[in-house]
């Protein structure tokens, strides 16, 4: 009977750990999607639309910290962004 109780406790702990990991992963994915949306919108405002070339630099841009990303998006020309990230 003691073994069953320990087993159930370990099973509950494993489930909770799985739930916690799932929540953390969902938060990370949500933050990544939000950052991508921010970059897309800023590129759209600056350059009127996002073509294939601009679309290809969104992923590399999203890996930058906000401190690195913001000045680049606000100051570099389209050509400078493409040269730097393609």
C-alpha atoms as a PDB file:
ATOM      1  CA  UNK A   1       0.000   0.000   0.000  1.00  0.00           C
ATOM      2  CA  UNK A   2       2.887   2.413   0.759  1.00  0.00           C
ATOM      3  CA  UNK A   3       4.387   1.777  -2.662  1.00  0.00           C
ATOM      4  CA  UNK A   4       1.084   2.658  -4.336  1.00  0.00           C
ATOM      5  CA  UNK A   5       0.883   5.953  -2.440  1.00  0.00           C
ATOM      6  CA  UNK A   6       4.480   6.847  -3.399  1.00  0.00           C
ATOM      7  CA  UNK A   7       3.744   5.903  -7.003  1.00  0.00           C
ATOM      8  CA  UNK A   8       0.652   8.105  -7.067  1.00  0.00           C
ATOM      9  CA  UNK A   9       2.580  10.989  -5.489  1.00  0.00           C
ATOM     10  CA  UNK A  10       5.389  10.693  -8.058  1.00  0.00           C
ATOM     11  CA  UNK A  11       2.847  10.463 -10.858  1.00  0.00           C
ATOM     12  CA  UNK A  12       1.098  13.622  -9.627  1.00  0.00           C
ATOM     13  CA  UNK A  13       4.447  15.418  -9.381  1.00  0.00           C
ATOM     14  CA  UNK A  14       5.354  14.360 -12.918  1.00  0.00           C
ATOM     15  CA  UNK A  15       1.989  15.569 -14.219  1.00  0.00           C
ATOM     16  CA  UNK A  16       2.428  18.935 -12.489  1.00  0.00           C
ATOM     17  CA  UNK A  17       5.930  19.259 -13.896  1.00  0.00           C
ATOM     18  CA  UNK A  18       4.584  18.521 -17.369  1.00  0.00           C
ATOM     19  CA  UNK A  19       1.852  21.110 -16.922  1.00  0.00           C
ATOM     20  CA  UNK A  20       4.397  23.696 -15.744  1.00  0.00           C
ATOM     21  CA  UNK A  21       6.668  22.974 -18.710  1.00  0.00           C
ATOM     22  CA  UNK A  22       3.697  23.277 -21.072  1.00  0.00           C
ATOM     23  CA  UNK A  23       2.707  26.614 -19.576  1.00  0.00           C
ATOM     24  CA  UNK A  24       6.269  27.911 -19.870  1.00  0.00           C
ATOM     25  CA  UNK A  25       6.473  26.777 -23.492  1.00  0.00           C
ATOM     26  CA  UNK A  26       3.152  28.478 -24.298  1.00  0.00           C
ATOM     27  CA  UNK A  27       4.378  31.708 -22.712  1.00  0.00           C
ATOM     28  CA  UNK A  28       7.589  31.592 -24.742  1.00  0.00           C
ATOM     29  CA  UNK A  29       5.696  30.908 -27.980  1.00  0.00           C
ATOM     30  CA  UNK A  30       3.297  33.761 -27.217  1.00  0.00           C
ATOM     31  CA  UNK A  31       6.174  36.167 -26.605  1.00  0.00           C
ATOM     32  CA  UNK A  32       7.831  35.091 -29.856  1.00  0.00           C
ATOM     33  CA  UNK A  33       4.603  35.606 -31.801  1.00  0.00           C
ATOM     34  CA  UNK A  34       4.099  39.017 -30.210  1.00  0.00           C
ATOM     35  CA  UNK A  35       7.649  40.074 -31.099  1.00  0.00           C
ATOM     36  CA  UNK A  36       7.160  38.906 -34.688  1.00  0.00           C
ATOM     37  CA  UNK A  37       3.922  40.891 -34.933  1.00  0.00           C
ATOM     38  CA  UNK A  38       5.660  43.990 -33.560  1.00  0.00           C
ATOM     39  CA  UNK A  39       8.460  43.674 -36.131  1.00  0.00           C
ATOM     40  CA  UNK A  40       5.996  43.093 -38.979  1.00  0.00           C
ATOM     41  CA  UNK A  41       3.923  46.133 -38.015  1.00  0.00           C
ATOM     42  CA  UNK A  42       6.940  48.393 -37.688  1.00  0.00           C
ATOM     43  CA  UNK A  43       8.269  47.247 -41.066  1.00  0.00           C
ATOM     44  CA  UNK A  44       4.824  47.824 -42.584  1.00  0.00           C
ATOM     45  CA  UNK A  45       4.631  51.348 -41.170  1.00  0.00           C
ATOM     46  CA  UNK A  46       8.125  52.223 -42.375  1.00  0.00           C
ATOM     47  CA  UNK A  47       8.045  50.574 -45.795  1.00  0.00           C
ATOM     48  CA  UNK A  48       4.291  50.404 -46.636  1.00  0.00           C
ATOM     49  CA  UNK A  49       4.294  46.629 -47.120  1.00  0.00           C
ATOM     50  CA  UNK A  50       6.300  43.516 -46.417  1.00  0.00           C
ATOM     51  CA  UNK A  51       7.623  41.814 -49.520  1.00  0.00           C
ATOM     52  CA  UNK A  52       9.503  38.524 -49.682  1.00  0.00           C
ATOM     53  CA  UNK A  53      12.880  40.070 -48.851  1.00  0.00           C
ATOM     54  CA  UNK A  54      11.608  41.892 -45.773  1.00  0.00           C
ATOM     55  CA  UNK A  55       9.723  38.781 -44.709  1.00  0.00           C
ATOM     56  CA  UNK A  56      12.997  36.802 -44.727  1.00  0.00           C
ATOM     57  CA  UNK A  57      14.671  39.163 -42.247  1.00  0.00           C
ATOM     58  CA  UNK A  58      11.886  39.010 -39.659  1.00  0.00           C
ATOM     59  CA  UNK A  59      13.202  35.815 -38.050  1.00  0.00           C
ATOM     60  CA  UNK A  60      16.792  37.065 -37.641  1.00  0.00           C
ATOM     61  CA  UNK A  61      15.473  40.397 -36.339  1.00  0.00           C
ATOM     62  CA  UNK A  62      13.314  38.623 -33.771  1.00  0.00           C
ATOM     63  CA  UNK A  63      16.396  37.042 -32.181  1.00  0.00           C
ATOM     64  CA  UNK A  64      17.790  40.462 -31.218  1.00  0.00           C
ATOM     65  CA  UNK A  65      17.237  42.080 -27.855  1.00  0.00           C
ATOM     66  CA  UNK A  66      14.817  45.028 -27.763  1.00  0.00           C
ATOM     67  CA  UNK A  67      17.781  47.339 -27.149  1.00  0.00           C
ATOM     68  CA  UNK A  68      19.435  46.139 -30.383  1.00  0.00           C
ATOM     69  CA  UNK A  69      16.262  45.786 -32.422  1.00  0.00           C
ATOM     70  CA  UNK A  70      14.529  49.116 -31.878  1.00  0.00           C
ATOM     71  CA  UNK A  71      17.247  51.465 -33.180  1.00  0.00           C
ATOM     72  CA  UNK A  72      17.847  49.227 -36.202  1.00  0.00           C
ATOM     73  CA  UNK A  73      14.190  49.213 -37.167  1.00  0.00           C
ATOM     74  CA  UNK A  74      13.850  52.956 -36.671  1.00  0.00           C
ATOM     75  CA  UNK A  75      17.102  54.131 -38.228  1.00  0.00           C
ATOM     76  CA  UNK A  76      18.263  51.783 -40.975  1.00  0.00           C
ATOM     77  CA  UNK A  77      16.941  52.015 -44.496  1.00  0.00           C
ATOM     78  CA  UNK A  78      15.295  49.051 -46.167  1.00  0.00           C
ATOM     79  CA  UNK A  79      18.473  48.358 -48.112  1.00  0.00           C
ATOM     80  CA  UNK A  80      20.635  48.564 -44.978  1.00  0.00           C
ATOM     81  CA  UNK A  81      18.359  46.122 -43.152  1.00  0.00           C
ATOM     82  CA  UNK A  82      18.452  43.699 -46.093  1.00  0.00           C
ATOM     83  CA  UNK A  83      22.228  43.976 -46.452  1.00  0.00           C
ATOM     84  CA  UNK A  84      22.714  43.327 -42.769  1.00  0.00           C
ATOM     85  CA  UNK A  85      20.274  40.418 -42.310  1.00  0.00           C
ATOM     86  CA  UNK A  86      20.179  38.575 -45.626  1.00  0.00           C
END
